[in-house]
Structures are given as structure tokens and as C-alpha cells.
């Protein structure tokens, strides 16, 4: 399954300026927030979580919340993605890959989820 999302970085930047850390609390765990060094990276993380929910065909909501999608970085800076145990079980998730890019004031993420179903 595949999902993609695009976010205008300025939208996330405005949200961060207006609401401060509460803006990040809405969609990022404390660990994920520690990885955010700019509004551009925050926008990439937002896009990644939206893309992941689209790959699962749920969207962000009751079935799959922002907190159910976990982002991290490898030592080389590459992003990684994992899911809460209840999503792994429900969808039979075996593996997932994430790519995030930023250009022209936009952040784009693509998520591919491999399932055993």
C-alpha cells in the first residue's frame, strides 16, 4: 500500500508561530519534537504521518491517530517510520518505508507499507 502527502511549509510555520510547542504537541511525540530543527522538518513529519494514514486507507482520525505513527531518524539522517502495535496487528504490517523531500516551500512524503494480507 502506498500513500503520499504534500504540505506547504508556511502553513506549519504559521501554526508553530501562533501556538508554539502546542502546535507540535498536536501531531508529534516528545521524541519526534526533539528531531524537529525547523518548520521545514516539522512540515515533512506532518506530511509523513498523513501519507502513512493514507497508505492504510484510514486517514488521520479515530482508527489511526498522529500518535499511532512513529517517526525517527537513522544516524545518517534518513527518516524511519513505524506503527503502534494495534495498527500492526489490524493491518498485518510487516514493513514500511518513508521518503521525505522539501523544495519550493513544500514538504512531500511518500510511505509504502508492506502487509501480509
PDB file of N, CA and C in Angstrom:
ATOM      1  N   UNK A   1       0.845  -1.162   0.000  1.00  0.00           N
ATOM      2  CA  UNK A   1       0.000   0.000   0.000  1.00  0.00           C
ATOM      3  C   UNK A   1       0.899   1.236   0.000  1.00  0.00           C
ATOM      4  N   UNK A   2       0.436   2.277  -0.667  1.00  0.00           N
ATOM      5  CA  UNK A   2       1.241   3.490  -0.783  1.00  0.00           C
ATOM      6  C   UNK A   2       0.398   4.714  -0.445  1.00  0.00           C
ATOM      7  N   UNK A   3       1.034   5.693   0.185  1.00  0.00           N
ATOM      8  CA  UNK A   3       0.373   6.953   0.497  1.00  0.00           C
ATOM      9  C   UNK A   3       1.328   8.101   0.228  1.00  0.00           C
ATOM     10  N   UNK A   4       0.786   9.244  -0.146  1.00  0.00           N
ATOM     11  CA  UNK A   4       1.594  10.430  -0.419  1.00  0.00           C
ATOM     12  C   UNK A   4       0.876  11.647   0.142  1.00  0.00           C
ATOM     13  N   UNK A   5       1.648  12.640   0.585  1.00  0.00           N
ATOM     14  CA  UNK A   5       1.058  13.880   1.068  1.00  0.00           C
ATOM     15  C   UNK A   5       2.023  15.025   0.788  1.00  0.00           C
ATOM     16  N   UNK A   6       1.455  16.202   0.601  1.00  0.00           N
ATOM     17  CA  UNK A   6       2.225  17.420   0.369  1.00  0.00           C
ATOM     18  C   UNK A   6       1.711  18.503   1.309  1.00  0.00           C
ATOM     19  N   UNK A   7       2.619  19.256   1.890  1.00  0.00           N
ATOM     20  CA  UNK A   7       2.274  20.308   2.845  1.00  0.00           C
ATOM     21  C   UNK A   7       3.048  21.572   2.484  1.00  0.00           C
ATOM     22  N   UNK A   8       2.374  22.708   2.551  1.00  0.00           N
ATOM     23  CA  UNK A   8       3.053  23.990   2.380  1.00  0.00           C
ATOM     24  C   UNK A   8       3.743  24.317   3.704  1.00  0.00           C
ATOM     25  N   UNK A   9       5.055  24.474   3.681  1.00  0.00           N
ATOM     26  CA  UNK A   9       5.835  24.699   4.897  1.00  0.00           C
ATOM     27  C   UNK A   9       5.335  25.928   5.655  1.00  0.00           C
ATOM     28  N   UNK A  10       4.958  26.987   4.952  1.00  0.00           N
ATOM     29  CA  UNK A  10       4.489  28.219   5.606  1.00  0.00           C
ATOM     30  C   UNK A  10       3.275  27.965   6.485  1.00  0.00           C
ATOM     31  N   UNK A  11       2.435  27.009   6.104  1.00  0.00           N
ATOM     32  CA  UNK A  11       1.251  26.679   6.919  1.00  0.00           C
ATOM     33  C   UNK A  11       1.665  26.138   8.277  1.00  0.00           C
ATOM     34  N   UNK A  12       2.650  25.251   8.284  1.00  0.00           N
ATOM     35  CA  UNK A  12       3.142  24.675   9.542  1.00  0.00           C
ATOM     36  C   UNK A  12       3.901  25.742  10.326  1.00  0.00           C
ATOM     37  N   UNK A  13       4.660  26.565   9.642  1.00  0.00           N
ATOM     38  CA  UNK A  13       5.407  27.645  10.299  1.00  0.00           C
ATOM     39  C   UNK A  13       4.448  28.607  11.001  1.00  0.00           C
ATOM     40  N   UNK A  14       3.359  28.975  10.343  1.00  0.00           N
ATOM     41  CA  UNK A  14       2.357  29.862  10.956  1.00  0.00           C
ATOM     42  C   UNK A  14       1.736  29.208  12.182  1.00  0.00           C
ATOM     43  N   UNK A  15       1.453  27.930  12.081  1.00  0.00           N
ATOM     44  CA  UNK A  15       0.882  27.184  13.201  1.00  0.00           C
ATOM     45  C   UNK A  15       1.853  27.188  14.388  1.00  0.00           C
ATOM     46  N   UNK A  16       3.138  26.984  14.103  1.00  0.00           N
ATOM     47  CA  UNK A  16       4.150  26.973  15.157  1.00  0.00           C
ATOM     48  C   UNK A  16       4.313  28.364  15.773  1.00  0.00           C
ATOM     49  N   UNK A  17       4.270  29.406  14.953  1.00  0.00           N
ATOM     50  CA  UNK A  17       4.403  30.772  15.449  1.00  0.00           C
ATOM     51  C   UNK A  17       3.211  31.135  16.334  1.00  0.00           C
ATOM     52  N   UNK A  18       2.042  30.756  15.902  1.00  0.00           N
ATOM     53  CA  UNK A  18       0.820  31.108  16.623  1.00  0.00           C
ATOM     54  C   UNK A  18       0.644  30.324  17.919  1.00  0.00           C
ATOM     55  N   UNK A  19       0.926  29.015  17.884  1.00  0.00           N
ATOM     56  CA  UNK A  19       0.630  28.158  19.029  1.00  0.00           C
ATOM     57  C   UNK A  19       1.862  27.620  19.748  1.00  0.00           C
ATOM     58  N   UNK A  20       3.063  27.897  19.250  1.00  0.00           N
ATOM     59  CA  UNK A  20       4.285  27.422  19.895  1.00  0.00           C
ATOM     60  C   UNK A  20       4.362  25.912  19.947  1.00  0.00           C
ATOM     61  N   UNK A  21       4.837  25.381  21.078  1.00  0.00           N
ATOM     62  CA  UNK A  21       5.019  23.937  21.190  1.00  0.00           C
ATOM     63  C   UNK A  21       3.693  23.183  21.186  1.00  0.00           C
ATOM     64  N   UNK A  22       2.592  23.856  21.531  1.00  0.00           N
ATOM     65  CA  UNK A  22       1.287  23.189  21.478  1.00  0.00           C
ATOM     66  C   UNK A  22       0.962  22.741  20.055  1.00  0.00           C
ATOM     67  N   UNK A  23       1.455  23.473  19.073  1.00  0.00           N
ATOM     68  CA  UNK A  23       1.241  23.082  17.674  1.00  0.00           C
ATOM     69  C   UNK A  23       1.904  21.737  17.406  1.00  0.00           C
ATOM     70  N   UNK A  24       3.127  21.573  17.893  1.00  0.00           N
ATOM     71  CA  UNK A  24       3.841  20.314  17.683  1.00  0.00           C
ATOM     72  C   UNK A  24       3.246  19.189  18.515  1.00  0.00           C
ATOM     73  N   UNK A  25       2.751  19.530  19.712  1.00  0.00           N
ATOM     74  CA  UNK A  25       2.125  18.515  20.572  1.00  0.00           C
ATOM     75  C   UNK A  25       0.945  17.848  19.871  1.00  0.00           C
ATOM     76  N   UNK A  26       0.324  18.567  18.971  1.00  0.00           N
ATOM     77  CA  UNK A  26      -0.858  18.053  18.267  1.00  0.00           C
ATOM     78  C   UNK A  26      -0.534  16.813  17.424  1.00  0.00           C
ATOM     79  N   UNK A  27       0.693  16.772  16.864  1.00  0.00           N
ATOM     80  CA  UNK A  27       0.977  15.678  15.932  1.00  0.00           C
ATOM     81  C   UNK A  27       2.318  14.976  16.137  1.00  0.00           C
ATOM     82  N   UNK A  28       3.119  15.430  17.099  1.00  0.00           N
ATOM     83  CA  UNK A  28       4.431  14.815  17.308  1.00  0.00           C
ATOM     84  C   UNK A  28       4.632  14.404  18.767  1.00  0.00           C
ATOM     85  N   UNK A  29       5.277  13.266  18.956  1.00  0.00           N
ATOM     86  CA  UNK A  29       5.652  12.821  20.302  1.00  0.00           C
ATOM     87  C   UNK A  29       6.816  13.696  20.787  1.00  0.00           C
ATOM     88  N   UNK A  30       7.122  13.663  22.085  1.00  0.00           N
ATOM     89  CA  UNK A  30       8.292  14.410  22.576  1.00  0.00           C
ATOM     90  C   UNK A  30       9.580  14.033  21.837  1.00  0.00           C
ATOM     91  N   UNK A  31       9.773  12.734  21.575  1.00  0.00           N
ATOM     92  CA  UNK A  31      10.985  12.327  20.845  1.00  0.00           C
ATOM     93  C   UNK A  31      10.998  12.914  19.441  1.00  0.00           C
ATOM     94  N   UNK A  32       9.868  12.839  18.746  1.00  0.00           N
ATOM     95  CA  UNK A  32       9.794  13.398  17.391  1.00  0.00           C
ATOM     96  C   UNK A  32      10.041  14.905  17.423  1.00  0.00           C
ATOM     97  N   UNK A  33       9.528  15.572  18.433  1.00  0.00           N
ATOM     98  CA  UNK A  33       9.761  17.019  18.555  1.00  0.00           C
ATOM     99  C   UNK A  33      11.245  17.328  18.737  1.00  0.00           C
ATOM    100  N   UNK A  34      11.965  16.440  19.415  1.00  0.00           N
ATOM    101  CA  UNK A  34      13.408  16.659  19.604  1.00  0.00           C
ATOM    102  C   UNK A  34      14.172  16.596  18.280  1.00  0.00           C
ATOM    103  N   UNK A  35      13.577  15.977  17.269  1.00  0.00           N
ATOM    104  CA  UNK A  35      14.213  15.875  15.950  1.00  0.00           C
ATOM    105  C   UNK A  35      13.883  17.067  15.051  1.00  0.00           C
ATOM    106  N   UNK A  36      12.898  17.863  15.448  1.00  0.00           N
ATOM    107  CA  UNK A  36      12.460  18.993  14.624  1.00  0.00           C
ATOM    108  C   UNK A  36      13.399  20.174  14.852  1.00  0.00           C
ATOM    109  N   UNK A  37      14.112  20.523  13.801  1.00  0.00           N
ATOM    110  CA  UNK A  37      15.057  21.639  13.879  1.00  0.00           C
ATOM    111  C   UNK A  37      14.573  22.860  13.105  1.00  0.00           C
ATOM    112  N   UNK A  38      13.436  22.718  12.428  1.00  0.00           N
ATOM    113  CA  UNK A  38      12.922  23.827  11.625  1.00  0.00           C
ATOM    114  C   UNK A  38      11.468  23.558  11.251  1.00  0.00           C
ATOM    115  N   UNK A  39      10.746  24.588  10.850  1.00  0.00           N
ATOM    116  CA  UNK A  39       9.392  24.369  10.342  1.00  0.00           C
ATOM    117  C   UNK A  39       9.370  23.444   9.122  1.00  0.00           C
ATOM    118  N   UNK A  40      10.424  23.461   8.343  1.00  0.00           N
ATOM    119  CA  UNK A  40      10.505  22.591   7.172  1.00  0.00           C
ATOM    120  C   UNK A  40      10.484  21.125   7.595  1.00  0.00           C
ATOM    121  N   UNK A  41      11.258  20.797   8.620  1.00  0.00           N
ATOM    122  CA  UNK A  41      11.264  19.408   9.095  1.00  0.00           C
ATOM    123  C   UNK A  41       9.919  19.059   9.721  1.00  0.00           C
ATOM    124  N   UNK A  42       9.328  19.974  10.470  1.00  0.00           N
ATOM    125  CA  UNK A  42       8.007  19.719  11.058  1.00  0.00           C
ATOM    126  C   UNK A  42       6.984  19.448   9.956  1.00  0.00           C
ATOM    127  N   UNK A  43       7.040  20.220   8.880  1.00  0.00           N
ATOM    128  CA  UNK A  43       6.124  20.016   7.753  1.00  0.00           C
ATOM    129  C   UNK A  43       6.351  18.647   7.120  1.00  0.00           C
ATOM    130  N   UNK A  44       7.609  18.237   7.005  1.00  0.00           N
ATOM    131  CA  UNK A  44       7.910  16.910   6.467  1.00  0.00           C
ATOM    132  C   UNK A  44       7.345  15.810   7.335  1.00  0.00           C
ATOM    133  N   UNK A  45       7.421  15.983   8.653  1.00  0.00           N
ATOM    134  CA  UNK A  45       6.865  14.991   9.574  1.00  0.00           C
ATOM    135  C   UNK A  45       5.341  14.962   9.480  1.00  0.00           C
ATOM    136  N   UNK A  46       4.719  16.135   9.348  1.00  0.00           N
ATOM    137  CA  UNK A  46       3.256  16.178   9.178  1.00  0.00           C
ATOM    138  C   UNK A  46       2.869  15.398   7.917  1.00  0.00           C
ATOM    139  N   UNK A  47       3.570  15.697   6.814  1.00  0.00           N
ATOM    140  CA  UNK A  47       3.283  15.022   5.544  1.00  0.00           C
ATOM    141  C   UNK A  47       3.501  13.515   5.672  1.00  0.00           C
ATOM    142  N   UNK A  48       4.534  13.109   6.410  1.00  0.00           N
ATOM    143  CA  UNK A  48       4.825  11.684   6.575  1.00  0.00           C
ATOM    144  C   UNK A  48       3.681  10.966   7.293  1.00  0.00           C
ATOM    145  N   UNK A  49       3.183  11.579   8.346  1.00  0.00           N
ATOM    146  CA  UNK A  49       2.097  10.936   9.094  1.00  0.00           C
ATOM    147  C   UNK A  49       0.811  10.900   8.271  1.00  0.00           C
ATOM    148  N   UNK A  50       0.531  11.961   7.540  1.00  0.00           N
ATOM    149  CA  UNK A  50      -0.651  11.966   6.667  1.00  0.00           C
ATOM    150  C   UNK A  50      -0.512  10.902   5.573  1.00  0.00           C
ATOM    151  N   UNK A  51       0.687  10.814   4.974  1.00  0.00           N
ATOM    152  CA  UNK A  51       0.916   9.816   3.921  1.00  0.00           C
ATOM    153  C   UNK A  51       0.760   8.399   4.464  1.00  0.00           C
ATOM    154  N   UNK A  52       1.243   8.167   5.681  1.00  0.00           N
ATOM    155  CA  UNK A  52       1.118   6.842   6.292  1.00  0.00           C
ATOM    156  C   UNK A  52      -0.352   6.477   6.503  1.00  0.00           C
ATOM    157  N   UNK A  53      -1.141   7.439   6.979  1.00  0.00           N
ATOM    158  CA  UNK A  53      -2.567   7.153   7.208  1.00  0.00           C
ATOM    159  C   UNK A  53      -3.286   6.895   5.887  1.00  0.00           C
ATOM    160  N   UNK A  54      -2.839   7.551   4.839  1.00  0.00           N
ATOM    161  CA  UNK A  54      -3.428   7.312   3.516  1.00  0.00           C
ATOM    162  C   UNK A  54      -3.034   5.938   2.987  1.00  0.00           C
ATOM    163  N   UNK A  55      -1.805   5.518   3.265  1.00  0.00           N
ATOM    164  CA  UNK A  55      -1.377   4.183   2.838  1.00  0.00           C
ATOM    165  C   UNK A  55      -2.241   3.106   3.504  1.00  0.00           C
ATOM    166  N   UNK A  56      -2.643   3.363   4.735  1.00  0.00           N
ATOM    167  CA  UNK A  56      -3.507   2.412   5.454  1.00  0.00           C
ATOM    168  C   UNK A  56      -4.975   2.563   5.065  1.00  0.00           C
ATOM    169  N   UNK A  57      -5.255   3.575   4.263  1.00  0.00           N
ATOM    170  CA  UNK A  57      -6.620   3.863   3.790  1.00  0.00           C
ATOM    171  C   UNK A  57      -7.580   4.225   4.930  1.00  0.00           C
ATOM    172  N   UNK A  58      -7.032   4.893   5.964  1.00  0.00           N
ATOM    173  CA  UNK A  58      -7.864   5.322   7.084  1.00  0.00           C
ATOM    174  C   UNK A  58      -7.938   6.835   7.193  1.00  0.00           C
ATOM    175  N   UNK A  59      -6.867   7.521   6.792  1.00  0.00           N
ATOM    176  CA  UNK A  59      -6.748   8.936   7.102  1.00  0.00           C
ATOM    177  C   UNK A  59      -6.486   9.098   8.588  1.00  0.00           C
ATOM    178  N   UNK A  60      -6.174  10.316   9.005  1.00  0.00           N
ATOM    179  CA  UNK A  60      -5.967  10.592  10.415  1.00  0.00           C
ATOM    180  C   UNK A  60      -7.339  10.735  11.060  1.00  0.00           C
ATOM    181  N   UNK A  61      -7.569   9.982  12.113  1.00  0.00           N
ATOM    182  CA  UNK A  61      -8.857  10.019  12.793  1.00  0.00           C
ATOM    183  C   UNK A  61      -8.898   8.993  13.895  1.00  0.00           C
ATOM    184  N   UNK A  62     -10.075   8.473  14.135  1.00  0.00           N
ATOM    185  CA  UNK A  62     -10.285   7.535  15.243  1.00  0.00           C
ATOM    186  C   UNK A  62      -9.500   6.233  15.055  1.00  0.00           C
ATOM    187  N   UNK A  63      -9.473   5.713  13.831  1.00  0.00           N
ATOM    188  CA  UNK A  63      -8.784   4.441  13.570  1.00  0.00           C
ATOM    189  C   UNK A  63      -7.269   4.558  13.629  1.00  0.00           C
ATOM    190  N   UNK A  64      -6.754   5.710  13.223  1.00  0.00           N
ATOM    191  CA  UNK A  64      -5.311   5.922  13.125  1.00  0.00           C
ATOM    192  C   UNK A  64      -5.017   7.380  13.475  1.00  0.00           C
ATOM    193  N   UNK A  65      -4.449   7.602  14.645  1.00  0.00           N
ATOM    194  CA  UNK A  65      -4.147   8.967  15.072  1.00  0.00           C
ATOM    195  C   UNK A  65      -2.693   9.312  14.759  1.00  0.00           C
ATOM    196  N   UNK A  66      -2.369  10.595  14.873  1.00  0.00           N
ATOM    197  CA  UNK A  66      -0.980  11.015  14.697  1.00  0.00           C
ATOM    198  C   UNK A  66      -0.062  10.242  15.650  1.00  0.00           C
ATOM    199  N   UNK A  67      -0.536   9.962  16.868  1.00  0.00           N
ATOM    200  CA  UNK A  67       0.281   9.271  17.871  1.00  0.00           C
ATOM    201  C   UNK A  67       0.544   7.811  17.520  1.00  0.00           C
ATOM    202  N   UNK A  68      -0.260   7.238  16.626  1.00  0.00           N
ATOM    203  CA  UNK A  68      -0.095   5.841  16.226  1.00  0.00           C
ATOM    204  C   UNK A  68       0.989   5.645  15.166  1.00  0.00           C
ATOM    205  N   UNK A  69       1.484   6.749  14.618  1.00  0.00           N
ATOM    206  CA  UNK A  69       2.515   6.710  13.583  1.00  0.00           C
ATOM    207  C   UNK A  69       3.779   7.296  14.195  1.00  0.00           C
ATOM    208  N   UNK A  70       4.845   6.515  14.210  1.00  0.00           N
ATOM    209  CA  UNK A  70       6.060   6.884  14.924  1.00  0.00           C
ATOM    210  C   UNK A  70       7.198   7.150  13.947  1.00  0.00           C
ATOM    211  N   UNK A  71       7.777   8.341  14.052  1.00  0.00           N
ATOM    212  CA  UNK A  71       8.871   8.738  13.168  1.00  0.00           C
ATOM    213  C   UNK A  71      10.177   8.823  13.940  1.00  0.00           C
ATOM    214  N   UNK A  72      11.268   8.525  13.247  1.00  0.00           N
ATOM    215  CA  UNK A  72      12.598   8.630  13.838  1.00  0.00           C
ATOM    216  C   UNK A  72      13.584   8.920  12.717  1.00  0.00           C
ATOM    217  N   UNK A  73      14.830   9.055  13.083  1.00  0.00           N
ATOM    218  CA  UNK A  73      15.897   9.283  12.105  1.00  0.00           C
ATOM    219  C   UNK A  73      17.019   8.291  12.370  1.00  0.00           C
ATOM    220  N   UNK A  74      17.593   7.764  11.306  1.00  0.00           N
ATOM    221  CA  UNK A  74      18.788   6.932  11.414  1.00  0.00           C
ATOM    222  C   UNK A  74      19.990   7.847  11.659  1.00  0.00           C
ATOM    223  N   UNK A  75      21.118   7.291  12.088  1.00  0.00           N
ATOM    224  CA  UNK A  75      22.309   8.120  12.305  1.00  0.00           C
ATOM    225  C   UNK A  75      22.717   8.932  11.069  1.00  0.00           C
ATOM    226  N   UNK A  76      22.428   8.414   9.866  1.00  0.00           N
ATOM    227  CA  UNK A  76      22.785   9.144   8.642  1.00  0.00           C
ATOM    228  C   UNK A  76      21.746  10.201   8.269  1.00  0.00           C
ATOM    229  N   UNK A  77      20.682  10.336   9.089  1.00  0.00           N
ATOM    230  CA  UNK A  77      19.668  11.348   8.835  1.00  0.00           C
ATOM    231  C   UNK A  77      18.443  10.866   8.083  1.00  0.00           C
ATOM    232  N   UNK A  78      18.471   9.646   7.586  1.00  0.00           N
ATOM    233  CA  UNK A  78      17.322   9.113   6.848  1.00  0.00           C
ATOM    234  C   UNK A  78      16.141   8.901   7.795  1.00  0.00           C
ATOM    235  N   UNK A  79      14.943   9.263   7.353  1.00  0.00           N
ATOM    236  CA  UNK A  79      13.774   9.082   8.214  1.00  0.00           C
ATOM    237  C   UNK A  79      13.321   7.627   8.251  1.00  0.00           C
ATOM    238  N   UNK A  80      12.767   7.233   9.395  1.00  0.00           N
ATOM    239  CA  UNK A  80      12.185   5.903   9.535  1.00  0.00           C
ATOM    240  C   UNK A  80      10.759   6.058  10.061  1.00  0.00           C
ATOM    241  N   UNK A  81       9.967   5.032   9.845  1.00  0.00           N
ATOM    242  CA  UNK A  81       8.577   5.047  10.272  1.00  0.00           C
ATOM    243  C   UNK A  81       8.213   3.701  10.867  1.00  0.00           C
ATOM    244  N   UNK A  82       7.403   3.736  11.912  1.00  0.00           N
ATOM    245  CA  UNK A  82       6.845   2.516  12.487  1.00  0.00           C
ATOM    246  C   UNK A  82       5.437   2.841  12.975  1.00  0.00           C
ATOM    247  N   UNK A  83       4.743   1.821  13.430  1.00  0.00           N
ATOM    248  CA  UNK A  83       3.339   1.976  13.782  1.00  0.00           C
ATOM    249  C   UNK A  83       3.063   1.398  15.165  1.00  0.00           C
ATOM    250  N   UNK A  84       2.007   1.892  15.795  1.00  0.00           N
ATOM    251  CA  UNK A  84       1.568   1.372  17.090  1.00  0.00           C
ATOM    252  C   UNK A  84       1.176  -0.094  16.922  1.00  0.00           C
ATOM    253  N   UNK A  85       1.365  -0.891  17.976  1.00  0.00           N
ATOM    254  CA  UNK A  85       1.056  -2.322  17.887  1.00  0.00           C
ATOM    255  C   UNK A  85      -0.350  -2.640  17.377  1.00  0.00           C
ATOM    256  N   UNK A  86      -1.347  -1.852  17.768  1.00  0.00           N
ATOM    257  CA  UNK A  86      -2.710  -2.165  17.323  1.00  0.00           C
ATOM    258  C   UNK A  86      -2.864  -1.994  15.813  1.00  0.00           C
ATOM    259  N   UNK A  87      -2.115  -1.075  15.207  1.00  0.00           N
ATOM    260  CA  UNK A  87      -2.163  -0.929  13.746  1.00  0.00           C
ATOM    261  C   UNK A  87      -1.409  -2.061  13.059  1.00  0.00           C
ATOM    262  N   UNK A  88      -0.279  -2.456  13.630  1.00  0.00           N
ATOM    263  CA  UNK A  88       0.498  -3.569  13.067  1.00  0.00           C
ATOM    264  C   UNK A  88      -0.375  -4.824  13.020  1.00  0.00           C
ATOM    265  N   UNK A  89      -1.088  -5.066  14.115  1.00  0.00           N
ATOM    266  CA  UNK A  89      -1.952  -6.249  14.182  1.00  0.00           C
ATOM    267  C   UNK A  89      -3.151  -6.122  13.241  1.00  0.00           C
ATOM    268  N   UNK A  90      -3.816  -5.002  13.273  1.00  0.00           N
ATOM    269  CA  UNK A  90      -5.045  -4.832  12.473  1.00  0.00           C
ATOM    270  C   UNK A  90      -4.782  -4.939  10.983  1.00  0.00           C
ATOM    271  N   UNK A  91      -3.678  -4.328  10.527  1.00  0.00           N
ATOM    272  CA  UNK A  91      -3.407  -4.294   9.090  1.00  0.00           C
ATOM    273  C   UNK A  91      -2.386  -5.341   8.652  1.00  0.00           C
ATOM    274  N   UNK A  92      -1.814  -6.081   9.580  1.00  0.00           N
ATOM    275  CA  UNK A  92      -0.814  -7.089   9.229  1.00  0.00           C
ATOM    276  C   UNK A  92       0.453  -6.461   8.671  1.00  0.00           C
ATOM    277  N   UNK A  93       0.864  -5.345   9.255  1.00  0.00           N
ATOM    278  CA  UNK A  93       2.044  -4.618   8.755  1.00  0.00           C
ATOM    279  C   UNK A  93       3.305  -5.425   9.027  1.00  0.00           C
ATOM    280  N   UNK A  94       4.086  -5.634   7.965  1.00  0.00           N
ATOM    281  CA  UNK A  94       5.363  -6.343   8.096  1.00  0.00           C
ATOM    282  C   UNK A  94       6.531  -5.375   7.988  1.00  0.00           C
ATOM    283  N   UNK A  95       6.383  -4.338   7.176  1.00  0.00           N
ATOM    284  CA  UNK A  95       7.462  -3.383   6.953  1.00  0.00           C
ATOM    285  C   UNK A  95       6.867  -2.092   6.398  1.00  0.00           C
ATOM    286  N   UNK A  96       7.620  -1.013   6.542  1.00  0.00           N
ATOM    287  CA  UNK A  96       7.191   0.269   5.981  1.00  0.00           C
ATOM    288  C   UNK A  96       8.418   1.097   5.648  1.00  0.00           C
ATOM    289  N   UNK A  97       8.327   1.830   4.568  1.00  0.00           N
ATOM    290  CA  UNK A  97       9.402   2.717   4.142  1.00  0.00           C
ATOM    291  C   UNK A  97       8.850   4.123   3.971  1.00  0.00           C
ATOM    292  N   UNK A  98       9.708   5.110   4.233  1.00  0.00           N
ATOM    293  CA  UNK A  98       9.329   6.513   4.191  1.00  0.00           C
ATOM    294  C   UNK A  98      10.376   7.316   3.455  1.00  0.00           C
ATOM    295  N   UNK A  99       9.914   8.223   2.604  1.00  0.00           N
ATOM    296  CA  UNK A  99      10.789   9.194   1.967  1.00  0.00           C
ATOM    297  C   UNK A  99      10.158  10.571   2.128  1.00  0.00           C
ATOM    298  N   UNK A 100      10.974  11.535   2.542  1.00  0.00           N
ATOM    299  CA  UNK A 100      10.520  12.915   2.707  1.00  0.00           C
ATOM    300  C   UNK A 100      11.445  13.811   1.896  1.00  0.00           C
ATOM    301  N   UNK A 101      10.853  14.782   1.199  1.00  0.00           N
ATOM    302  CA  UNK A 101      11.650  15.759   0.477  1.00  0.00           C
ATOM    303  C   UNK A 101      11.050  17.139   0.685  1.00  0.00           C
ATOM    304  N   UNK A 102      11.890  18.157   0.541  1.00  0.00           N
ATOM    305  CA  UNK A 102      11.457  19.544   0.708  1.00  0.00           C
ATOM    306  C   UNK A 102      11.991  20.347  -0.472  1.00  0.00           C
ATOM    307  N   UNK A 103      11.131  21.178  -1.062  1.00  0.00           N
ATOM    308  CA  UNK A 103      11.564  22.046  -2.150  1.00  0.00           C
ATOM    309  C   UNK A 103      10.471  23.074  -2.425  1.00  0.00           C
ATOM    310  N   UNK A 104      10.873  24.247  -2.807  1.00  0.00           N
ATOM    311  CA  UNK A 104       9.923  25.266  -3.223  1.00  0.00           C
ATOM    312  C   UNK A 104       8.884  25.607  -2.171  1.00  0.00           C
ATOM    313  N   UNK A 105       9.272  25.557  -0.896  1.00  0.00           N
ATOM    314  CA  UNK A 105       8.342  25.879   0.166  1.00  0.00           C
ATOM    315  C   UNK A 105       7.340  24.789   0.471  1.00  0.00           C
ATOM    316  N   UNK A 106       7.609  23.587  -0.019  1.00  0.00           N
ATOM    317  CA  UNK A 106       6.711  22.467   0.230  1.00  0.00           C
ATOM    318  C   UNK A 106       7.485  21.277   0.791  1.00  0.00           C
ATOM    319  N   UNK A 107       6.772  20.456   1.552  1.00  0.00           N
ATOM    320  CA  UNK A 107       7.324  19.190   2.049  1.00  0.00           C
ATOM    321  C   UNK A 107       6.434  18.088   1.505  1.00  0.00           C
ATOM    322  N   UNK A 108       7.067  17.062   0.978  1.00  0.00           N
ATOM    323  CA  UNK A 108       6.340  15.937   0.393  1.00  0.00           C
ATOM    324  C   UNK A 108       6.854  14.650   1.021  1.00  0.00           C
ATOM    325  N   UNK A 109       5.914  13.759   1.341  1.00  0.00           N
ATOM    326  CA  UNK A 109       6.303  12.460   1.901  1.00  0.00           C
ATOM    327  C   UNK A 109       5.576  11.348   1.177  1.00  0.00           C
ATOM    328  N   UNK A 110       6.281  10.245   1.021  1.00  0.00           N
ATOM    329  CA  UNK A 110       5.705   9.028   0.433  1.00  0.00           C
ATOM    330  C   UNK A 110       5.969   7.896   1.419  1.00  0.00           C
ATOM    331  N   UNK A 111       4.935   7.112   1.683  1.00  0.00           N
ATOM    332  CA  UNK A 111       5.046   5.972   2.570  1.00  0.00           C
ATOM    333  C   UNK A 111       4.567   4.728   1.841  1.00  0.00           C
ATOM    334  N   UNK A 112       5.369   3.681   1.914  1.00  0.00           N
ATOM    335  CA  UNK A 112       4.991   2.377   1.362  1.00  0.00           C
ATOM    336  C   UNK A 112       4.895   1.413   2.537  1.00  0.00           C
ATOM    337  N   UNK A 113       3.747   0.762   2.641  1.00  0.00           N
ATOM    338  CA  UNK A 113       3.507  -0.188   3.729  1.00  0.00           C
ATOM    339  C   UNK A 113       3.339  -1.581   3.137  1.00  0.00           C
ATOM    340  N   UNK A 114       4.121  -2.518   3.651  1.00  0.00           N
ATOM    341  CA  UNK A 114       4.003  -3.914   3.232  1.00  0.00           C
ATOM    342  C   UNK A 114       3.207  -4.667   4.285  1.00  0.00           C
ATOM    343  N   UNK A 115       2.197  -5.393   3.817  1.00  0.00           N
ATOM    344  CA  UNK A 115       1.372  -6.166   4.745  1.00  0.00           C
ATOM    345  C   UNK A 115       1.390  -7.643   4.356  1.00  0.00           C
ATOM    346  N   UNK A 116       0.993  -8.479   5.291  1.00  0.00           N
ATOM    347  CA  UNK A 116       0.917  -9.914   4.983  1.00  0.00           C
ATOM    348  C   UNK A 116      -0.460 -10.289   4.471  1.00  0.00           C
ATOM    349  N   UNK A 117      -1.366  -9.332   4.382  1.00  0.00           N
ATOM    350  CA  UNK A 117      -2.719  -9.597   3.882  1.00  0.00           C
ATOM    351  C   UNK A 117      -2.787  -9.416   2.383  1.00  0.00           C
TER     352      UNK A 117
END
